[in-house]
């Protein structure tokens, strides 16, 4: 079993920044794949960023150059640094990890980009 707890969401103006955190109940080094997803109202959940145990990183085109996924093994925490935020980034953001073939999800954190 893996527990994930996200934090760091909130209300921010366009052009602002937020850093999301996802605290895991075990070492994030043990997860083959670590990802951030988001779901906007009325839309399907979307993969935003992924980092593998081999260090491969991928982003959805709409966030490339603005978002950065990273992890801190010592703190068992996955991060998503979000810069130059746009209103279309408004969504609930979820962290997801794959452990022994099983996907685990956090509860989500709301990000609202609005003036």
PDB file of N, CA and C in Angstrom:
ATOM      1  N   UNK A   1       0.834  -1.194   0.000  1.00  0.00           N
ATOM      2  CA  UNK A   1       0.000   0.000   0.000  1.00  0.00           C
ATOM      3  C   UNK A   1       0.869   1.243   0.000  1.00  0.00           C
ATOM      4  N   UNK A   2       0.383   2.244  -0.723  1.00  0.00           N
ATOM      5  CA  UNK A   2       1.083   3.523  -0.795  1.00  0.00           C
ATOM      6  C   UNK A   2       0.075   4.630  -0.537  1.00  0.00           C
ATOM      7  N   UNK A   3       0.406   5.540   0.349  1.00  0.00           N
ATOM      8  CA  UNK A   3      -0.425   6.734   0.572  1.00  0.00           C
ATOM      9  C   UNK A   3       0.284   7.947  -0.012  1.00  0.00           C
ATOM     10  N   UNK A   4      -0.505   8.782  -0.670  1.00  0.00           N
ATOM     11  CA  UNK A   4       0.011   9.994  -1.289  1.00  0.00           C
ATOM     12  C   UNK A   4      -0.826  11.175  -0.818  1.00  0.00           C
ATOM     13  N   UNK A   5      -0.159  12.241  -0.408  1.00  0.00           N
ATOM     14  CA  UNK A   5      -0.865  13.430   0.054  1.00  0.00           C
ATOM     15  C   UNK A   5      -0.320  14.648  -0.672  1.00  0.00           C
ATOM     16  N   UNK A   6      -1.177  15.281  -1.477  1.00  0.00           N
ATOM     17  CA  UNK A   6      -0.773  16.481  -2.214  1.00  0.00           C
ATOM     18  C   UNK A   6      -1.015  17.733  -1.388  1.00  0.00           C
ATOM     19  N   UNK A   7      -0.248  18.759  -1.684  1.00  0.00           N
ATOM     20  CA  UNK A   7      -0.439  20.063  -1.075  1.00  0.00           C
ATOM     21  C   UNK A   7       0.157  21.111  -2.001  1.00  0.00           C
ATOM     22  N   UNK A   8      -0.132  22.383  -1.694  1.00  0.00           N
ATOM     23  CA  UNK A   8       0.478  23.467  -2.445  1.00  0.00           C
ATOM     24  C   UNK A   8      -0.433  24.169  -3.434  1.00  0.00           C
ATOM     25  N   UNK A   9      -1.640  23.665  -3.595  1.00  0.00           N
ATOM     26  CA  UNK A   9      -2.565  24.322  -4.505  1.00  0.00           C
ATOM     27  C   UNK A   9      -3.083  25.624  -3.930  1.00  0.00           C
ATOM     28  N   UNK A  10      -3.831  26.352  -4.757  1.00  0.00           N
ATOM     29  CA  UNK A  10      -4.398  27.607  -4.297  1.00  0.00           C
ATOM     30  C   UNK A  10      -4.828  28.476  -5.440  1.00  0.00           C
ATOM     31  N   UNK A  11      -5.115  29.729  -5.100  1.00  0.00           N
ATOM     32  CA  UNK A  11      -5.518  30.731  -6.091  1.00  0.00           C
ATOM     33  C   UNK A  11      -4.313  31.593  -6.438  1.00  0.00           C
ATOM     34  N   UNK A  12      -4.056  31.754  -7.722  1.00  0.00           N
ATOM     35  CA  UNK A  12      -2.917  32.546  -8.168  1.00  0.00           C
ATOM     36  C   UNK A  12      -3.329  33.347  -9.398  1.00  0.00           C
ATOM     37  N   UNK A  13      -2.732  34.508  -9.563  1.00  0.00           N
ATOM     38  CA  UNK A  13      -3.023  35.333 -10.735  1.00  0.00           C
ATOM     39  C   UNK A  13      -2.296  34.794 -11.961  1.00  0.00           C
ATOM     40  N   UNK A  14      -2.815  35.071 -13.142  1.00  0.00           N
ATOM     41  CA  UNK A  14      -2.101  34.675 -14.363  1.00  0.00           C
ATOM     42  C   UNK A  14      -0.670  35.206 -14.354  1.00  0.00           C
ATOM     43  N   UNK A  15       0.255  34.362 -14.772  1.00  0.00           N
ATOM     44  CA  UNK A  15       1.668  34.702 -14.747  1.00  0.00           C
ATOM     45  C   UNK A  15       2.367  34.323 -13.459  1.00  0.00           C
ATOM     46  N   UNK A  16       1.610  33.923 -12.461  1.00  0.00           N
ATOM     47  CA  UNK A  16       2.185  33.556 -11.178  1.00  0.00           C
ATOM     48  C   UNK A  16       2.729  32.133 -11.146  1.00  0.00           C
ATOM     49  N   UNK A  17       3.193  31.742  -9.960  1.00  0.00           N
ATOM     50  CA  UNK A  17       3.812  30.429  -9.790  1.00  0.00           C
ATOM     51  C   UNK A  17       3.241  29.721  -8.565  1.00  0.00           C
ATOM     52  N   UNK A  18       3.267  28.411  -8.620  1.00  0.00           N
ATOM     53  CA  UNK A  18       2.945  27.556  -7.482  1.00  0.00           C
ATOM     54  C   UNK A  18       3.849  26.336  -7.533  1.00  0.00           C
ATOM     55  N   UNK A  19       4.109  25.761  -6.360  1.00  0.00           N
ATOM     56  CA  UNK A  19       4.804  24.486  -6.315  1.00  0.00           C
ATOM     57  C   UNK A  19       3.927  23.481  -5.583  1.00  0.00           C
ATOM     58  N   UNK A  20       3.566  22.443  -6.296  1.00  0.00           N
ATOM     59  CA  UNK A  20       2.791  21.364  -5.706  1.00  0.00           C
ATOM     60  C   UNK A  20       3.725  20.314  -5.119  1.00  0.00           C
ATOM     61  N   UNK A  21       3.305  19.743  -3.998  1.00  0.00           N
ATOM     62  CA  UNK A  21       4.068  18.671  -3.362  1.00  0.00           C
ATOM     63  C   UNK A  21       3.193  17.436  -3.225  1.00  0.00           C
ATOM     64  N   UNK A  22       3.821  16.286  -3.300  1.00  0.00           N
ATOM     65  CA  UNK A  22       3.127  15.010  -3.118  1.00  0.00           C
ATOM     66  C   UNK A  22       3.989  14.167  -2.184  1.00  0.00           C
ATOM     67  N   UNK A  23       3.557  14.072  -0.939  1.00  0.00           N
ATOM     68  CA  UNK A  23       4.303  13.310   0.055  1.00  0.00           C
ATOM     69  C   UNK A  23       3.863  11.859   0.032  1.00  0.00           C
ATOM     70  N   UNK A  24       4.833  10.964  -0.098  1.00  0.00           N
ATOM     71  CA  UNK A  24       4.541   9.535  -0.197  1.00  0.00           C
ATOM     72  C   UNK A  24       4.862   8.820   1.111  1.00  0.00           C
ATOM     73  N   UNK A  25       4.209   7.691   1.314  1.00  0.00           N
ATOM     74  CA  UNK A  25       4.388   6.930   2.550  1.00  0.00           C
ATOM     75  C   UNK A  25       5.605   6.003   2.489  1.00  0.00           C
ATOM     76  N   UNK A  26       6.267   5.990   1.346  1.00  0.00           N
ATOM     77  CA  UNK A  26       7.493   5.215   1.213  1.00  0.00           C
ATOM     78  C   UNK A  26       8.410   5.932   0.246  1.00  0.00           C
ATOM     79  N   UNK A  27       9.620   5.449   0.126  1.00  0.00           N
ATOM     80  CA  UNK A  27      10.598   6.108  -0.719  1.00  0.00           C
ATOM     81  C   UNK A  27      10.114   6.205  -2.159  1.00  0.00           C
ATOM     82  N   UNK A  28      10.172   7.411  -2.727  1.00  0.00           N
ATOM     83  CA  UNK A  28       9.748   7.569  -4.111  1.00  0.00           C
ATOM     84  C   UNK A  28      10.724   6.883  -5.066  1.00  0.00           C
ATOM     85  N   UNK A  29      11.881   6.545  -4.576  1.00  0.00           N
ATOM     86  CA  UNK A  29      12.852   5.818  -5.399  1.00  0.00           C
ATOM     87  C   UNK A  29      12.309   4.452  -5.779  1.00  0.00           C
ATOM     88  N   UNK A  30      11.376   3.932  -4.983  1.00  0.00           N
ATOM     89  CA  UNK A  30      10.833   2.599  -5.230  1.00  0.00           C
ATOM     90  C   UNK A  30       9.758   2.577  -6.310  1.00  0.00           C
ATOM     91  N   UNK A  31       9.345   3.745  -6.780  1.00  0.00           N
ATOM     92  CA  UNK A  31       8.277   3.812  -7.780  1.00  0.00           C
ATOM     93  C   UNK A  31       8.877   3.870  -9.181  1.00  0.00           C
ATOM     94  N   UNK A  32       8.400   3.003 -10.062  1.00  0.00           N
ATOM     95  CA  UNK A  32       8.935   2.984 -11.413  1.00  0.00           C
ATOM     96  C   UNK A  32       8.578   4.248 -12.192  1.00  0.00           C
ATOM     97  N   UNK A  33       7.348   4.701 -11.995  1.00  0.00           N
ATOM     98  CA  UNK A  33       6.850   5.868 -12.714  1.00  0.00           C
ATOM     99  C   UNK A  33       6.164   6.793 -11.717  1.00  0.00           C
ATOM    100  N   UNK A  34       6.448   8.068 -11.815  1.00  0.00           N
ATOM    101  CA  UNK A  34       5.833   9.089 -10.956  1.00  0.00           C
ATOM    102  C   UNK A  34       5.285  10.177 -11.862  1.00  0.00           C
ATOM    103  N   UNK A  35       4.030  10.547 -11.630  1.00  0.00           N
ATOM    104  CA  UNK A  35       3.376  11.463 -12.563  1.00  0.00           C
ATOM    105  C   UNK A  35       2.496  12.476 -11.838  1.00  0.00           C
ATOM    106  N   UNK A  36       2.224  13.538 -12.551  1.00  0.00           N
ATOM    107  CA  UNK A  36       1.193  14.502 -12.166  1.00  0.00           C
ATOM    108  C   UNK A  36       0.129  14.509 -13.264  1.00  0.00           C
ATOM    109  N   UNK A  37      -1.127  14.461 -12.849  1.00  0.00           N
ATOM    110  CA  UNK A  37      -2.271  14.579 -13.728  1.00  0.00           C
ATOM    111  C   UNK A  37      -3.081  15.804 -13.277  1.00  0.00           C
ATOM    112  N   UNK A  38      -3.991  16.224 -14.151  1.00  0.00           N
ATOM    113  CA  UNK A  38      -4.929  17.271 -13.766  1.00  0.00           C
ATOM    114  C   UNK A  38      -6.281  17.013 -14.426  1.00  0.00           C
ATOM    115  N   UNK A  39      -7.304  17.529 -13.774  1.00  0.00           N
ATOM    116  CA  UNK A  39      -8.652  17.394 -14.309  1.00  0.00           C
ATOM    117  C   UNK A  39      -9.395  18.695 -14.114  1.00  0.00           C
ATOM    118  N   UNK A  40      -9.745  19.309 -15.228  1.00  0.00           N
ATOM    119  CA  UNK A  40     -10.525  20.540 -15.209  1.00  0.00           C
ATOM    120  C   UNK A  40     -12.012  20.185 -15.226  1.00  0.00           C
ATOM    121  N   UNK A  41     -12.867  21.092 -14.764  1.00  0.00           N
ATOM    122  CA  UNK A  41     -14.309  20.811 -14.750  1.00  0.00           C
ATOM    123  C   UNK A  41     -14.827  20.447 -16.137  1.00  0.00           C
ATOM    124  N   UNK A  42     -15.537  19.343 -16.208  1.00  0.00           N
ATOM    125  CA  UNK A  42     -16.129  18.909 -17.463  1.00  0.00           C
ATOM    126  C   UNK A  42     -15.169  18.282 -18.445  1.00  0.00           C
ATOM    127  N   UNK A  43     -13.927  18.061 -18.021  1.00  0.00           N
ATOM    128  CA  UNK A  43     -12.929  17.485 -18.923  1.00  0.00           C
ATOM    129  C   UNK A  43     -12.371  16.193 -18.343  1.00  0.00           C
ATOM    130  N   UNK A  44     -11.749  15.397 -19.209  1.00  0.00           N
ATOM    131  CA  UNK A  44     -11.111  14.162 -18.763  1.00  0.00           C
ATOM    132  C   UNK A  44      -9.796  14.460 -18.051  1.00  0.00           C
ATOM    133  N   UNK A  45      -9.405  13.540 -17.197  1.00  0.00           N
ATOM    134  CA  UNK A  45      -8.119  13.682 -16.520  1.00  0.00           C
ATOM    135  C   UNK A  45      -7.005  13.624 -17.552  1.00  0.00           C
ATOM    136  N   UNK A  46      -6.035  14.511 -17.401  1.00  0.00           N
ATOM    137  CA  UNK A  46      -4.961  14.680 -18.381  1.00  0.00           C
ATOM    138  C   UNK A  46      -3.605  14.464 -17.721  1.00  0.00           C
ATOM    139  N   UNK A  47      -2.745  13.706 -18.398  1.00  0.00           N
ATOM    140  CA  UNK A  47      -1.379  13.529 -17.922  1.00  0.00           C
ATOM    141  C   UNK A  47      -0.589  14.801 -18.184  1.00  0.00           C
ATOM    142  N   UNK A  48       0.016  15.346 -17.139  1.00  0.00           N
ATOM    143  CA  UNK A  48       0.754  16.601 -17.250  1.00  0.00           C
ATOM    144  C   UNK A  48       2.256  16.368 -17.362  1.00  0.00           C
ATOM    145  N   UNK A  49       2.793  15.534 -16.474  1.00  0.00           N
ATOM    146  CA  UNK A  49       4.238  15.314 -16.450  1.00  0.00           C
ATOM    147  C   UNK A  49       4.538  13.959 -15.835  1.00  0.00           C
ATOM    148  N   UNK A  50       5.619  13.358 -16.310  1.00  0.00           N
ATOM    149  CA  UNK A  50       6.027  12.036 -15.823  1.00  0.00           C
ATOM    150  C   UNK A  50       7.531  11.985 -15.661  1.00  0.00           C
ATOM    151  N   UNK A  51       7.972  11.311 -14.625  1.00  0.00           N
ATOM    152  CA  UNK A  51       9.392  11.033 -14.454  1.00  0.00           C
ATOM    153  C   UNK A  51       9.530   9.557 -14.097  1.00  0.00           C
ATOM    154  N   UNK A  52      10.435   8.885 -14.786  1.00  0.00           N
ATOM    155  CA  UNK A  52      10.634   7.460 -14.538  1.00  0.00           C
ATOM    156  C   UNK A  52      11.809   7.228 -13.600  1.00  0.00           C
ATOM    157  N   UNK A  53      11.938   5.990 -13.125  1.00  0.00           N
ATOM    158  CA  UNK A  53      13.056   5.660 -12.245  1.00  0.00           C
ATOM    159  C   UNK A  53      14.382   5.796 -12.975  1.00  0.00           C
ATOM    160  N   UNK A  54      14.340   5.727 -14.300  1.00  0.00           N
ATOM    161  CA  UNK A  54      15.557   5.912 -15.080  1.00  0.00           C
ATOM    162  C   UNK A  54      15.871   7.371 -15.367  1.00  0.00           C
ATOM    163  N   UNK A  55      15.013   8.267 -14.900  1.00  0.00           N
ATOM    164  CA  UNK A  55      15.272   9.689 -15.058  1.00  0.00           C
ATOM    165  C   UNK A  55      14.670  10.316 -16.303  1.00  0.00           C
ATOM    166  N   UNK A  56      13.904   9.522 -17.074  1.00  0.00           N
ATOM    167  CA  UNK A  56      13.266  10.095 -18.267  1.00  0.00           C
ATOM    168  C   UNK A  56      12.089  10.964 -17.843  1.00  0.00           C
ATOM    169  N   UNK A  57      12.009  12.147 -18.429  1.00  0.00           N
ATOM    170  CA  UNK A  57      10.962  13.112 -18.084  1.00  0.00           C
ATOM    171  C   UNK A  57      10.190  13.494 -19.338  1.00  0.00           C
ATOM    172  N   UNK A  58       8.878  13.552 -19.201  1.00  0.00           N
ATOM    173  CA  UNK A  58       8.032  13.977 -20.311  1.00  0.00           C
ATOM    174  C   UNK A  58       6.951  14.917 -19.802  1.00  0.00           C
ATOM    175  N   UNK A  59       6.577  15.858 -20.666  1.00  0.00           N
ATOM    176  CA  UNK A  59       5.537  16.826 -20.353  1.00  0.00           C
ATOM    177  C   UNK A  59       4.524  16.874 -21.483  1.00  0.00           C
ATOM    178  N   UNK A  60       3.291  17.188 -21.129  1.00  0.00           N
ATOM    179  CA  UNK A  60       2.312  17.494 -22.151  1.00  0.00           C
ATOM    180  C   UNK A  60       2.729  18.809 -22.807  1.00  0.00           C
ATOM    181  N   UNK A  61       2.454  18.955 -24.092  1.00  0.00           N
ATOM    182  CA  UNK A  61       2.950  20.115 -24.839  1.00  0.00           C
ATOM    183  C   UNK A  61       2.524  21.449 -24.210  1.00  0.00           C
ATOM    184  N   UNK A  62       1.345  21.491 -23.654  1.00  0.00           N
ATOM    185  CA  UNK A  62       0.812  22.762 -23.159  1.00  0.00           C
ATOM    186  C   UNK A  62       1.564  23.306 -21.940  1.00  0.00           C
ATOM    187  N   UNK A  63       2.385  22.483 -21.284  1.00  0.00           N
ATOM    188  CA  UNK A  63       3.114  22.967 -20.098  1.00  0.00           C
ATOM    189  C   UNK A  63       4.621  22.983 -20.299  1.00  0.00           C
ATOM    190  N   UNK A  64       5.090  22.536 -21.437  1.00  0.00           N
ATOM    191  CA  UNK A  64       6.539  22.503 -21.684  1.00  0.00           C
ATOM    192  C   UNK A  64       7.132  23.901 -21.567  1.00  0.00           C
ATOM    193  N   UNK A  65       8.250  23.980 -20.849  1.00  0.00           N
ATOM    194  CA  UNK A  65       8.911  25.262 -20.635  1.00  0.00           C
ATOM    195  C   UNK A  65       8.362  26.038 -19.461  1.00  0.00           C
ATOM    196  N   UNK A  66       7.236  25.585 -18.895  1.00  0.00           N
ATOM    197  CA  UNK A  66       6.635  26.298 -17.763  1.00  0.00           C
ATOM    198  C   UNK A  66       6.608  25.445 -16.492  1.00  0.00           C
ATOM    199  N   UNK A  67       6.411  24.152 -16.635  1.00  0.00           N
ATOM    200  CA  UNK A  67       6.311  23.255 -15.480  1.00  0.00           C
ATOM    201  C   UNK A  67       7.563  22.383 -15.385  1.00  0.00           C
ATOM    202  N   UNK A  68       7.921  22.032 -14.144  1.00  0.00           N
ATOM    203  CA  UNK A  68       9.059  21.150 -13.915  1.00  0.00           C
ATOM    204  C   UNK A  68       8.692  20.111 -12.862  1.00  0.00           C
ATOM    205  N   UNK A  69       8.858  18.833 -13.211  1.00  0.00           N
ATOM    206  CA  UNK A  69       8.627  17.740 -12.264  1.00  0.00           C
ATOM    207  C   UNK A  69       9.960  17.326 -11.670  1.00  0.00           C
ATOM    208  N   UNK A  70       9.943  17.056 -10.367  1.00  0.00           N
ATOM    209  CA  UNK A  70      11.172  16.631  -9.700  1.00  0.00           C
ATOM    210  C   UNK A  70      10.804  15.838  -8.453  1.00  0.00           C
ATOM    211  N   UNK A  71      11.807  15.220  -7.867  1.00  0.00           N
ATOM    212  CA  UNK A  71      11.571  14.441  -6.658  1.00  0.00           C
ATOM    213  C   UNK A  71      12.700  14.596  -5.667  1.00  0.00           C
ATOM    214  N   UNK A  72      12.384  14.445  -4.398  1.00  0.00           N
ATOM    215  CA  UNK A  72      13.376  14.479  -3.326  1.00  0.00           C
ATOM    216  C   UNK A  72      13.275  13.152  -2.586  1.00  0.00           C
ATOM    217  N   UNK A  73      14.211  12.257  -2.840  1.00  0.00           N
ATOM    218  CA  UNK A  73      14.168  10.938  -2.226  1.00  0.00           C
ATOM    219  C   UNK A  73      14.266  11.009  -0.700  1.00  0.00           C
ATOM    220  N   UNK A  74      15.052  11.951  -0.193  1.00  0.00           N
ATOM    221  CA  UNK A  74      15.236  12.061   1.255  1.00  0.00           C
ATOM    222  C   UNK A  74      13.939  12.446   1.955  1.00  0.00           C
ATOM    223  N   UNK A  75      13.082  13.186   1.245  1.00  0.00           N
ATOM    224  CA  UNK A  75      11.819  13.633   1.831  1.00  0.00           C
ATOM    225  C   UNK A  75      10.630  12.808   1.345  1.00  0.00           C
ATOM    226  N   UNK A  76      10.889  11.802   0.510  1.00  0.00           N
ATOM    227  CA  UNK A  76       9.801  10.979  -0.046  1.00  0.00           C
ATOM    228  C   UNK A  76       8.737  11.848  -0.705  1.00  0.00           C
ATOM    229  N   UNK A  77       9.167  12.862  -1.426  1.00  0.00           N
ATOM    230  CA  UNK A  77       8.235  13.847  -1.969  1.00  0.00           C
ATOM    231  C   UNK A  77       8.483  14.092  -3.448  1.00  0.00           C
ATOM    232  N   UNK A  78       7.381  14.154  -4.184  1.00  0.00           N
ATOM    233  CA  UNK A  78       7.384  14.504  -5.603  1.00  0.00           C
ATOM    234  C   UNK A  78       6.881  15.938  -5.713  1.00  0.00           C
ATOM    235  N   UNK A  79       7.467  16.709  -6.635  1.00  0.00           N
ATOM    236  CA  UNK A  79       7.089  18.110  -6.790  1.00  0.00           C
ATOM    237  C   UNK A  79       6.655  18.403  -8.223  1.00  0.00           C
ATOM    238  N   UNK A  80       5.868  19.457  -8.342  1.00  0.00           N
ATOM    239  CA  UNK A  80       5.564  20.034  -9.649  1.00  0.00           C
ATOM    240  C   UNK A  80       5.669  21.547  -9.501  1.00  0.00           C
ATOM    241  N   UNK A  81       6.742  22.097 -10.048  1.00  0.00           N
ATOM    242  CA  UNK A  81       6.912  23.550 -10.056  1.00  0.00           C
ATOM    243  C   UNK A  81       6.191  24.099 -11.273  1.00  0.00           C
ATOM    244  N   UNK A  82       5.281  25.033 -11.039  1.00  0.00           N
ATOM    245  CA  UNK A  82       4.467  25.581 -12.118  1.00  0.00           C
ATOM    246  C   UNK A  82       4.702  27.085 -12.202  1.00  0.00           C
ATOM    247  N   UNK A  83       5.238  27.524 -13.318  1.00  0.00           N
ATOM    248  CA  UNK A  83       5.516  28.942 -13.551  1.00  0.00           C
ATOM    249  C   UNK A  83       4.677  29.460 -14.717  1.00  0.00           C
ATOM    250  N   UNK A  84       4.585  30.775 -14.817  1.00  0.00           N
ATOM    251  CA  UNK A  84       3.847  31.417 -15.911  1.00  0.00           C
ATOM    252  C   UNK A  84       2.457  30.802 -16.067  1.00  0.00           C
ATOM    253  N   UNK A  85       1.769  30.687 -14.962  1.00  0.00           N
ATOM    254  CA  UNK A  85       0.469  30.012 -14.971  1.00  0.00           C
ATOM    255  C   UNK A  85      -0.558  30.779 -15.798  1.00  0.00           C
ATOM    256  N   UNK A  86      -1.429  30.004 -16.423  1.00  0.00           N
ATOM    257  CA  UNK A  86      -2.472  30.543 -17.286  1.00  0.00           C
ATOM    258  C   UNK A  86      -3.846  30.099 -16.755  1.00  0.00           C
ATOM    259  N   UNK A  87      -4.896  30.830 -17.092  1.00  0.00           N
ATOM    260  CA  UNK A  87      -6.234  30.405 -16.644  1.00  0.00           C
ATOM    261  C   UNK A  87      -6.574  28.972 -17.064  1.00  0.00           C
ATOM    262  N   UNK A  88      -6.071  28.543 -18.205  1.00  0.00           N
ATOM    263  CA  UNK A  88      -6.370  27.189 -18.658  1.00  0.00           C
ATOM    264  C   UNK A  88      -5.638  26.114 -17.866  1.00  0.00           C
ATOM    265  N   UNK A  89      -4.756  26.514 -16.956  1.00  0.00           N
ATOM    266  CA  UNK A  89      -4.124  25.548 -16.055  1.00  0.00           C
ATOM    267  C   UNK A  89      -5.010  25.235 -14.846  1.00  0.00           C
ATOM    268  N   UNK A  90      -6.114  25.944 -14.721  1.00  0.00           N
ATOM    269  CA  UNK A  90      -7.023  25.706 -13.608  1.00  0.00           C
ATOM    270  C   UNK A  90      -7.565  24.283 -13.649  1.00  0.00           C
ATOM    271  N   UNK A  91      -7.380  23.565 -12.539  1.00  0.00           N
ATOM    272  CA  UNK A  91      -7.789  22.159 -12.468  1.00  0.00           C
ATOM    273  C   UNK A  91      -7.487  21.620 -11.072  1.00  0.00           C
ATOM    274  N   UNK A  92      -7.970  20.429 -10.825  1.00  0.00           N
ATOM    275  CA  UNK A  92      -7.507  19.665  -9.667  1.00  0.00           C
ATOM    276  C   UNK A  92      -6.314  18.847 -10.123  1.00  0.00           C
ATOM    277  N   UNK A  93      -5.231  18.947  -9.388  1.00  0.00           N
ATOM    278  CA  UNK A  93      -3.995  18.257  -9.743  1.00  0.00           C
ATOM    279  C   UNK A  93      -3.799  17.051  -8.823  1.00  0.00           C
ATOM    280  N   UNK A  94      -3.448  15.922  -9.445  1.00  0.00           N
ATOM    281  CA  UNK A  94      -3.276  14.664  -8.721  1.00  0.00           C
ATOM    282  C   UNK A  94      -1.884  14.103  -8.980  1.00  0.00           C
ATOM    283  N   UNK A  95      -1.268  13.570  -7.953  1.00  0.00           N
ATOM    284  CA  UNK A  95      -0.055  12.807  -8.193  1.00  0.00           C
ATOM    285  C   UNK A  95      -0.417  11.329  -8.299  1.00  0.00           C
ATOM    286  N   UNK A  96       0.389  10.639  -9.046  1.00  0.00           N
ATOM    287  CA  UNK A  96       0.156   9.223  -9.325  1.00  0.00           C
ATOM    288  C   UNK A  96       1.496   8.511  -9.364  1.00  0.00           C
ATOM    289  N   UNK A  97       1.548   7.331  -8.754  1.00  0.00           N
ATOM    290  CA  UNK A  97       2.760   6.526  -8.834  1.00  0.00           C
ATOM    291  C   UNK A  97       2.375   5.097  -9.196  1.00  0.00           C
ATOM    292  N   UNK A  98       3.310   4.429  -9.818  1.00  0.00           N
ATOM    293  CA  UNK A  98       3.162   3.023 -10.151  1.00  0.00           C
ATOM    294  C   UNK A  98       4.095   2.236  -9.245  1.00  0.00           C
ATOM    295  N   UNK A  99       3.522   1.299  -8.451  1.00  0.00           N
ATOM    296  CA  UNK A  99       4.335   0.511  -7.536  1.00  0.00           C
ATOM    297  C   UNK A  99       3.935  -0.947  -7.661  1.00  0.00           C
ATOM    298  N   UNK A 100       4.867  -1.755  -8.097  1.00  0.00           N
ATOM    299  CA  UNK A 100       4.620  -3.196  -8.305  1.00  0.00           C
ATOM    300  C   UNK A 100       3.397  -3.410  -9.198  1.00  0.00           C
ATOM    301  N   UNK A 101       3.291  -2.579 -10.228  1.00  0.00           N
ATOM    302  CA  UNK A 101       2.232  -2.745 -11.207  1.00  0.00           C
ATOM    303  C   UNK A 101       0.894  -2.170 -10.814  1.00  0.00           C
ATOM    304  N   UNK A 102       0.816  -1.558  -9.663  1.00  0.00           N
ATOM    305  CA  UNK A 102      -0.449  -1.000  -9.165  1.00  0.00           C
ATOM    306  C   UNK A 102      -0.355   0.516  -9.155  1.00  0.00           C
ATOM    307  N   UNK A 103      -1.371   1.207  -9.717  1.00  0.00           N
ATOM    308  CA  UNK A 103      -1.363   2.666  -9.665  1.00  0.00           C
ATOM    309  C   UNK A 103      -1.951   3.176  -8.350  1.00  0.00           C
ATOM    310  N   UNK A 104      -1.351   4.205  -7.812  1.00  0.00           N
ATOM    311  CA  UNK A 104      -1.846   4.851  -6.603  1.00  0.00           C
ATOM    312  C   UNK A 104      -2.042   6.342  -6.875  1.00  0.00           C
ATOM    313  N   UNK A 105      -3.100   6.905  -6.284  1.00  0.00           N
ATOM    314  CA  UNK A 105      -3.460   8.302  -6.482  1.00  0.00           C
ATOM    315  C   UNK A 105      -3.545   9.046  -5.158  1.00  0.00           C
ATOM    316  N   UNK A 106      -3.193  10.319  -5.233  1.00  0.00           N
ATOM    317  CA  UNK A 106      -3.458  11.196  -4.109  1.00  0.00           C
ATOM    318  C   UNK A 106      -4.882  11.712  -4.185  1.00  0.00           C
ATOM    319  N   UNK A 107      -5.249  12.553  -3.209  1.00  0.00           N
ATOM    320  CA  UNK A 107      -6.625  13.044  -3.125  1.00  0.00           C
ATOM    321  C   UNK A 107      -6.859  14.260  -4.016  1.00  0.00           C
ATOM    322  N   UNK A 108      -5.787  14.859  -4.503  1.00  0.00           N
ATOM    323  CA  UNK A 108      -5.896  16.020  -5.376  1.00  0.00           C
ATOM    324  C   UNK A 108      -5.774  17.337  -4.632  1.00  0.00           C
ATOM    325  N   UNK A 109      -5.293  18.334  -5.359  1.00  0.00           N
ATOM    326  CA  UNK A 109      -5.200  19.690  -4.813  1.00  0.00           C
ATOM    327  C   UNK A 109      -5.658  20.668  -5.894  1.00  0.00           C
ATOM    328  N   UNK A 110      -6.496  21.624  -5.504  1.00  0.00           N
ATOM    329  CA  UNK A 110      -7.095  22.546  -6.467  1.00  0.00           C
ATOM    330  C   UNK A 110      -6.130  23.674  -6.804  1.00  0.00           C
ATOM    331  N   UNK A 111      -5.965  23.924  -8.087  1.00  0.00           N
ATOM    332  CA  UNK A 111      -5.209  25.076  -8.578  1.00  0.00           C
ATOM    333  C   UNK A 111      -6.164  25.939  -9.392  1.00  0.00           C
ATOM    334  N   UNK A 112      -6.279  27.203  -9.007  1.00  0.00           N
ATOM    335  CA  UNK A 112      -7.138  28.138  -9.715  1.00  0.00           C
ATOM    336  C   UNK A 112      -6.307  29.331 -10.149  1.00  0.00           C
ATOM    337  N   UNK A 113      -6.307  29.588 -11.447  1.00  0.00           N
ATOM    338  CA  UNK A 113      -5.555  30.711 -12.012  1.00  0.00           C
ATOM    339  C   UNK A 113      -6.566  31.734 -12.506  1.00  0.00           C
ATOM    340  N   UNK A 114      -6.620  32.864 -11.818  1.00  0.00           N
ATOM    341  CA  UNK A 114      -7.628  33.861 -12.137  1.00  0.00           C
ATOM    342  C   UNK A 114      -7.205  35.215 -11.600  1.00  0.00           C
ATOM    343  N   UNK A 115      -7.605  36.256 -12.321  1.00  0.00           N
ATOM    344  CA  UNK A 115      -7.341  37.611 -11.850  1.00  0.00           C
ATOM    345  C   UNK A 115      -8.530  38.144 -11.056  1.00  0.00           C
TER     346      UNK A 115
END
